[in-house]
Amino acid sequence: MPIDAEAIADRRRLRRKLTFWRVIGLLALIAAVVALGYSTSRRFGLNVTDQVARISVSGLITGNQRMADLMERVGNAPNVSGVVISVNSPGGTTTGSEELFRNIRRLAGKKPVVTFVDGTAASGGYITAMATDYIVARETSIVGSIGVLFQYPDVSGLLDRVGVKVEEVKSAPLKAEPSPFKPTSPEARAALALVVGDTYDWFKRLVRERRHMSDAELATVSTGQVFSGHQGVPLKLVDALGSERDAVAWLEREKGVKKNLPIRDWRPRSDRDLSFLVWAAGGADLMGFESLAAMLRRTASGVEAAQLDGLLAVWHPSEK
């Protein structure tokens, strides 16, 4: 059966259109990947220019593998000459603060590091600030709040009002204490006080060693209160007042960092940062590039979530 010439022409036109859109799609994907690479390099500090890296610690501090990975990346980056830890945090969990402190100390073994308090470095935030050998703060920054907090609810009165009673069978009197379903016994309160006291002693030892304080100096600052950056200098909580530029100047003056290097933000990877990779993988699948799609998905995988639990080293103003 003869094929109509016009049908043949239609098929050729269709093939040309499909080829055209495939080429456009491939070029768009390449441009997107290049743009993503540029954006990522800017976001995470991944460029070849010698620089001072800025690592920001803000909000509640928790145990976070992403931040640990970031510290390792910065420490291994040959183009990073020094690091500014920019702190603006009221604290968080004691375990998270301890982990962050130790990660910064490991980083300090590879790169010159300085702290800039850009707002608040209280409680666990101050533990973070102490991880470097020099602390610069604004005059009106908040520092201190050296202490430990253990909070738990007591809803036993509410349960009594609604007629609910919680039964329990446990292996020992102090198991699962404190319980929100009944008032805390003197024995349970004493056990909790021992835990809080032990962690508080650890915090104070850290302050004494890192800030080179005498017992009398430590007693003055470890009452749990906060101080301004201006007050913190004579109390040895802060080394100098100034801006981030002053913190970098200390790196240049004391650690031999080259002057006038650009300051680049380095940030932990997150779900939001990597979501574009998932979208690009889907586009690669649609155009038949299975191996590229698999590579993009592998890059975007393995993100963990952080949790807030346990003892807290956190400062929050009283609402009274």
Protein backbone atom coordinates (compact mmCIF):
# COMPACT_ATOMS: atom_id res chain seq x y z
CA MET A 1 0.00 0.00 0.00
CA PRO A 2 1.62 3.30 -1.07
CA ILE A 3 2.39 5.82 1.66
CA ASP A 4 0.97 9.26 1.17
CA ALA A 5 3.68 11.86 0.59
CA GLU A 6 2.03 14.27 3.00
CA ALA A 7 1.99 11.63 5.75
CA ILE A 8 5.71 11.10 5.24
CA ALA A 9 6.28 14.83 5.51
CA ASP A 10 4.21 14.96 8.74
CA ARG A 11 6.32 12.20 10.27
CA ARG A 12 9.51 14.02 9.36
CA ARG A 13 8.19 17.23 10.87
CA LEU A 14 7.22 15.34 14.05
CA ARG A 15 10.68 13.77 14.31
CA ARG A 16 12.31 17.16 13.87
CA LYS A 17 10.09 18.62 16.63
CA LEU A 18 10.88 15.75 19.00
CA THR A 19 14.59 16.12 18.29
CA PHE A 20 14.38 19.86 18.84
CA TRP A 21 12.65 19.53 22.22
CA ARG A 22 14.99 16.78 23.35
CA VAL A 23 17.97 19.00 22.59
CA ILE A 24 16.29 21.93 24.40
CA GLY A 25 15.54 19.69 27.38
CA LEU A 26 19.11 18.41 27.51
CA LEU A 27 20.53 21.93 27.28
CA ALA A 28 18.15 23.09 30.01
CA LEU A 29 19.24 20.22 32.26
CA ILE A 30 22.91 20.99 31.65
CA ALA A 31 22.30 24.69 32.39
CA ALA A 32 20.40 23.78 35.56
CA VAL A 33 23.19 21.51 36.79
CA VAL A 34 25.80 24.18 36.05
CA ALA A 35 23.68 26.79 37.84
CA LEU A 36 23.22 24.44 40.77
CA GLY A 37 26.94 23.84 40.94
CA TYR A 38 27.62 27.57 40.97
CA SER A 39 24.90 28.19 43.56
CA THR A 40 26.16 25.35 45.75
CA SER A 41 29.73 26.57 45.53
CA ARG A 42 28.62 30.01 46.65
CA ARG A 43 26.33 28.62 49.39
CA PHE A 44 28.83 26.17 50.87
CA GLY A 45 32.01 28.16 50.16
CA LEU A 46 33.19 25.62 47.59
CA ASN A 47 35.35 27.83 45.37
CA VAL A 48 39.03 27.96 44.64
CA THR A 49 39.66 31.49 46.00
CA ASP A 50 41.64 31.75 49.22
CA GLN A 51 39.19 32.85 51.87
CA VAL A 52 38.11 33.09 55.48
CA ALA A 53 35.21 30.73 56.12
CA ARG A 54 32.22 31.87 58.16
CA ILE A 55 30.30 29.17 60.06
CA SER A 56 27.10 30.49 61.63
CA VAL A 57 25.68 28.91 64.79
CA SER A 58 22.19 30.26 65.39
CA GLY A 59 18.98 29.20 67.10
CA LEU A 60 18.67 26.16 69.37
CA ILE A 61 21.74 23.92 69.41
CA THR A 62 21.15 20.17 69.05
CA GLY A 63 23.24 17.17 68.14
CA ASN A 64 23.62 17.56 64.40
CA GLN A 65 25.65 15.35 62.06
CA ARG A 66 25.31 17.95 59.30
CA MET A 67 27.25 20.49 61.36
CA ALA A 68 29.91 17.87 62.16
CA ASP A 69 30.25 17.14 58.45
CA LEU A 70 30.51 20.87 57.73
CA MET A 71 33.36 21.27 60.23
CA GLU A 72 35.20 18.39 58.58
CA ARG A 73 34.73 19.88 55.10
CA VAL A 74 36.00 23.27 56.23
CA GLY A 75 38.96 21.70 58.00
CA ASN A 76 39.95 19.80 54.87
CA ALA A 77 39.44 22.71 52.44
CA PRO A 78 42.86 23.86 51.15
CA ASN A 79 41.52 27.29 50.16
CA VAL A 80 40.29 28.15 53.70
CA SER A 81 42.95 30.14 55.55
CA GLY A 82 40.95 30.83 58.70
CA VAL A 83 37.49 30.42 60.21
CA VAL A 84 35.05 32.77 61.98
CA ILE A 85 32.46 31.04 64.17
CA SER A 86 29.57 33.51 64.17
CA VAL A 87 27.36 32.77 67.21
CA ASN A 88 23.81 33.97 67.79
CA SER A 89 22.23 31.31 69.99
CA PRO A 90 20.54 31.10 73.42
CA GLY A 91 21.83 27.52 73.76
CA GLY A 92 20.17 24.14 73.50
CA THR A 93 20.84 20.61 74.70
CA THR A 94 23.96 19.99 76.76
CA THR A 95 24.91 17.02 74.59
CA GLY A 96 24.46 19.04 71.40
CA SER A 97 26.51 21.92 72.83
CA GLU A 98 29.25 19.54 73.95
CA GLU A 99 29.34 17.91 70.50
CA LEU A 100 29.58 21.28 68.77
CA PHE A 101 32.31 22.40 71.16
CA ARG A 102 34.39 19.30 70.42
CA ASN A 103 33.86 19.63 66.67
CA ILE A 104 35.13 23.22 66.77
CA ARG A 105 38.14 22.15 68.83
CA ARG A 106 38.96 19.52 66.19
CA LEU A 107 38.59 22.18 63.51
CA ALA A 108 40.92 24.46 65.49
CA GLY A 109 43.57 21.76 65.17
CA LYS A 110 43.49 22.27 61.38
CA LYS A 111 42.63 25.95 60.88
CA PRO A 112 42.97 29.21 62.85
CA VAL A 113 39.56 29.85 64.42
CA VAL A 114 37.98 32.86 66.15
CA THR A 115 34.51 33.53 67.62
CA PHE A 116 32.34 36.53 66.80
CA VAL A 117 29.25 36.94 69.01
CA ASP A 118 26.71 38.48 66.67
CA GLY A 119 23.83 38.87 69.11
CA THR A 120 23.66 36.14 71.77
CA ALA A 121 26.06 33.51 73.07
CA ALA A 122 24.27 32.30 76.18
CA SER A 123 24.43 28.95 77.97
CA GLY A 124 25.09 26.33 75.26
CA GLY A 125 25.79 29.21 72.89
CA TYR A 126 28.56 30.31 75.22
CA ILE A 127 29.94 26.77 75.31
CA THR A 128 30.20 27.10 71.53
CA ALA A 129 31.91 30.50 71.77
CA MET A 130 34.52 29.14 74.20
CA ALA A 131 35.65 26.53 71.68
CA THR A 132 37.94 29.10 70.03
CA ASP A 133 40.88 30.85 71.69
CA TYR A 134 39.55 34.37 71.13
CA ILE A 135 36.06 35.87 71.46
CA VAL A 136 34.99 39.16 69.91
CA ALA A 137 31.51 40.48 70.76
CA ARG A 138 29.44 43.54 70.12
CA GLU A 139 29.04 45.83 73.13
CA THR A 140 25.33 45.03 73.34
CA SER A 141 25.65 41.28 72.74
CA ILE A 142 24.41 38.86 75.41
CA VAL A 143 26.91 36.37 76.87
CA GLY A 144 27.04 34.03 79.85
CA SER A 145 24.07 32.20 81.41
CA ILE A 146 26.47 29.58 82.74
CA GLY A 147 24.20 26.88 84.13
CA VAL A 148 22.09 23.79 83.41
CA LEU A 149 18.33 23.31 83.33
CA PHE A 150 16.14 20.21 83.60
CA GLN A 151 12.45 20.86 82.97
CA TYR A 152 9.48 18.50 82.94
CA PRO A 153 5.71 18.95 83.20
CA ASP A 154 3.51 17.87 86.10
CA VAL A 155 -0.03 17.22 84.81
CA SER A 156 -1.17 15.23 87.84
CA GLY A 157 -3.52 18.02 88.96
CA LEU A 158 -5.17 18.08 85.53
CA LEU A 159 -5.59 14.29 85.56
CA ASP A 160 -7.27 14.49 88.98
CA ARG A 161 -9.76 17.02 87.64
CA VAL A 162 -10.74 14.86 84.67
CA GLY A 163 -10.77 11.64 86.73
CA VAL A 164 -7.83 9.87 85.09
CA LYS A 165 -5.46 7.71 87.13
CA VAL A 166 -2.24 6.29 85.68
CA GLU A 167 -1.23 2.86 87.00
CA GLU A 168 2.36 1.65 86.78
CA VAL A 169 4.52 -1.34 87.59
CA LYS A 170 8.27 -0.70 87.63
CA SER A 171 11.43 -2.48 88.64
CA ALA A 172 12.76 0.15 91.05
CA PRO A 173 11.40 3.30 92.74
CA LEU A 174 13.47 5.70 90.61
CA LYS A 175 12.69 4.06 87.27
CA ALA A 176 10.99 6.50 84.82
CA GLU A 177 11.36 9.42 87.24
CA PRO A 178 10.38 12.17 87.02
CA SER A 179 6.93 11.28 85.77
CA PRO A 180 4.52 13.92 84.45
CA PHE A 181 1.62 11.91 85.90
CA LYS A 182 2.45 12.44 89.60
CA PRO A 183 4.31 14.89 91.84
CA THR A 184 8.07 14.27 92.02
CA SER A 185 9.17 12.41 95.14
CA PRO A 186 12.02 13.83 97.27
CA GLU A 187 14.19 10.85 96.27
CA ALA A 188 13.61 11.45 92.53
CA ARG A 189 14.24 15.18 92.92
CA ALA A 190 17.51 14.47 94.73
CA ALA A 191 18.63 12.08 91.96
CA LEU A 192 17.87 14.69 89.31
CA ALA A 193 19.72 17.33 91.29
CA LEU A 194 22.82 15.12 91.25
CA VAL A 195 22.68 14.87 87.45
CA VAL A 196 22.15 18.61 87.02
CA GLY A 197 24.91 19.37 89.52
CA ASP A 198 27.38 17.06 87.80
CA THR A 199 26.70 18.65 84.39
CA TYR A 200 26.93 22.13 85.94
CA ASP A 201 30.35 21.23 87.38
CA TRP A 202 31.44 20.13 83.89
CA PHE A 203 30.27 23.47 82.45
CA LYS A 204 32.16 25.44 85.10
CA ARG A 205 35.35 23.40 84.57
CA LEU A 206 35.11 24.19 80.89
CA VAL A 207 34.79 27.93 81.62
CA ARG A 208 37.69 27.86 84.09
CA GLU A 209 40.00 26.05 81.67
CA ARG A 210 39.06 27.82 78.44
CA ARG A 211 38.82 31.33 79.89
CA HIS A 212 41.70 30.96 82.40
CA MET A 213 39.69 32.03 85.43
CA SER A 214 40.42 31.80 89.11
CA ASP A 215 37.85 30.26 91.47
CA ALA A 216 36.72 33.72 92.53
CA GLU A 217 36.34 34.91 88.93
CA LEU A 218 34.42 31.76 88.05
CA ALA A 219 32.07 32.19 91.01
CA THR A 220 31.20 35.69 89.79
CA VAL A 221 30.15 34.62 86.29
CA SER A 222 28.60 31.20 86.98
CA THR A 223 25.44 32.36 88.74
CA GLY A 224 23.32 31.67 85.66
CA GLN A 225 22.88 35.34 84.82
CA VAL A 226 23.65 36.95 81.47
CA PHE A 227 25.97 39.87 80.79
CA SER A 228 26.39 42.35 77.99
CA GLY A 229 29.42 42.12 75.77
CA HIS A 230 30.71 45.30 77.42
CA GLN A 231 30.36 43.74 80.89
CA GLY A 232 31.91 40.51 79.64
CA VAL A 233 35.36 41.96 78.91
CA PRO A 234 36.48 42.66 82.52
CA LEU A 235 34.79 39.39 83.56
CA LYS A 236 36.97 37.48 81.04
CA LEU A 237 33.92 36.13 79.22
CA VAL A 238 34.91 38.17 76.16
CA ASP A 239 38.36 39.14 74.88
CA ALA A 240 37.47 42.22 72.85
CA LEU A 241 34.59 44.33 71.63
CA GLY A 242 34.06 44.93 67.95
CA SER A 243 32.69 43.61 64.67
CA GLU A 244 33.35 40.54 62.59
CA ARG A 245 36.06 42.51 60.83
CA ASP A 246 37.84 42.88 64.18
CA ALA A 247 37.63 39.11 64.70
CA VAL A 248 39.22 38.56 61.27
CA ALA A 249 41.87 41.16 62.09
CA TRP A 250 42.86 39.00 65.08
CA LEU A 251 43.32 36.03 62.73
CA GLU A 252 45.51 38.18 60.51
CA ARG A 253 47.51 39.62 63.39
CA GLU A 254 47.92 36.58 65.63
CA LYS A 255 47.56 33.60 63.29
CA GLY A 256 49.25 34.83 60.14
CA VAL A 257 46.14 34.77 57.96
CA LYS A 258 46.64 36.80 54.79
CA LYS A 259 45.02 40.23 54.96
CA ASN A 260 41.88 41.26 53.08
CA LEU A 261 40.74 37.77 52.15
CA PRO A 262 37.04 37.47 51.26
CA ILE A 263 34.73 36.02 53.93
CA ARG A 264 32.58 33.17 52.55
CA ASP A 265 29.59 31.50 54.19
CA TRP A 266 29.86 27.75 54.66
CA ARG A 267 26.59 26.06 55.61
CA PRO A 268 25.45 22.53 56.40
CA ARG A 269 23.64 20.69 53.67
CA SER A 270 19.89 20.36 54.23
CA ASP A 271 16.77 18.98 52.59
CA ARG A 272 15.98 22.37 51.07
CA ASP A 273 19.47 22.72 49.66
CA LEU A 274 19.29 19.35 47.95
CA SER A 275 15.65 19.39 46.79
CA PHE A 276 16.66 20.76 43.41
CA LEU A 277 18.80 17.66 42.88
CA VAL A 278 15.71 15.49 43.27
CA TRP A 279 13.85 17.62 40.73
CA ALA A 280 16.78 17.42 38.31
CA ALA A 281 16.89 13.63 38.74
CA GLY A 282 13.23 13.43 37.75
CA GLY A 283 13.92 15.50 34.64
CA ALA A 284 16.85 13.27 33.72
CA ASP A 285 14.61 10.22 34.06
CA LEU A 286 12.01 11.70 31.71
CA MET A 287 14.66 12.27 29.04
CA GLY A 288 16.10 8.79 29.39
CA PHE A 289 19.31 9.62 31.26
CA GLU A 290 18.94 6.93 33.92
CA SER A 291 22.57 6.92 35.06
CA LEU A 292 22.60 10.71 35.57
CA ALA A 293 19.30 10.49 37.47
CA ALA A 294 20.73 7.80 39.76
CA MET A 295 23.82 9.90 40.45
CA LEU A 296 21.74 12.97 41.34
CA ARG A 297 19.55 10.93 43.69
CA ARG A 298 22.58 9.45 45.44
CA THR A 299 23.92 12.98 45.97
CA ALA A 300 20.64 14.08 47.56
CA SER A 301 20.32 11.10 49.90
CA GLY A 302 21.42 10.53 53.48
CA VAL A 303 20.06 13.62 55.23
CA GLU A 304 19.35 13.27 58.97
CA ALA A 305 16.95 15.12 61.23
CA ALA A 306 18.00 16.64 64.56
CA GLN A 307 16.10 16.18 67.82
CA LEU A 308 15.89 18.26 70.99
CA ASP A 309 15.89 16.22 74.20
CA GLY A 310 17.78 15.64 77.46
CA LEU A 311 19.37 18.26 79.71
CA LEU A 312 19.27 21.83 78.44
CA ALA A 313 21.87 24.55 78.55
CA VAL A 314 19.61 27.26 77.20
CA TRP A 315 18.80 30.83 78.20
CA HIS A 316 15.41 32.44 77.71
CA PRO A 317 14.31 35.75 79.25
CA SER A 318 11.74 35.60 82.04
CA GLU A 319 8.23 36.59 81.00
CA LYS A 320 7.58 38.23 84.37
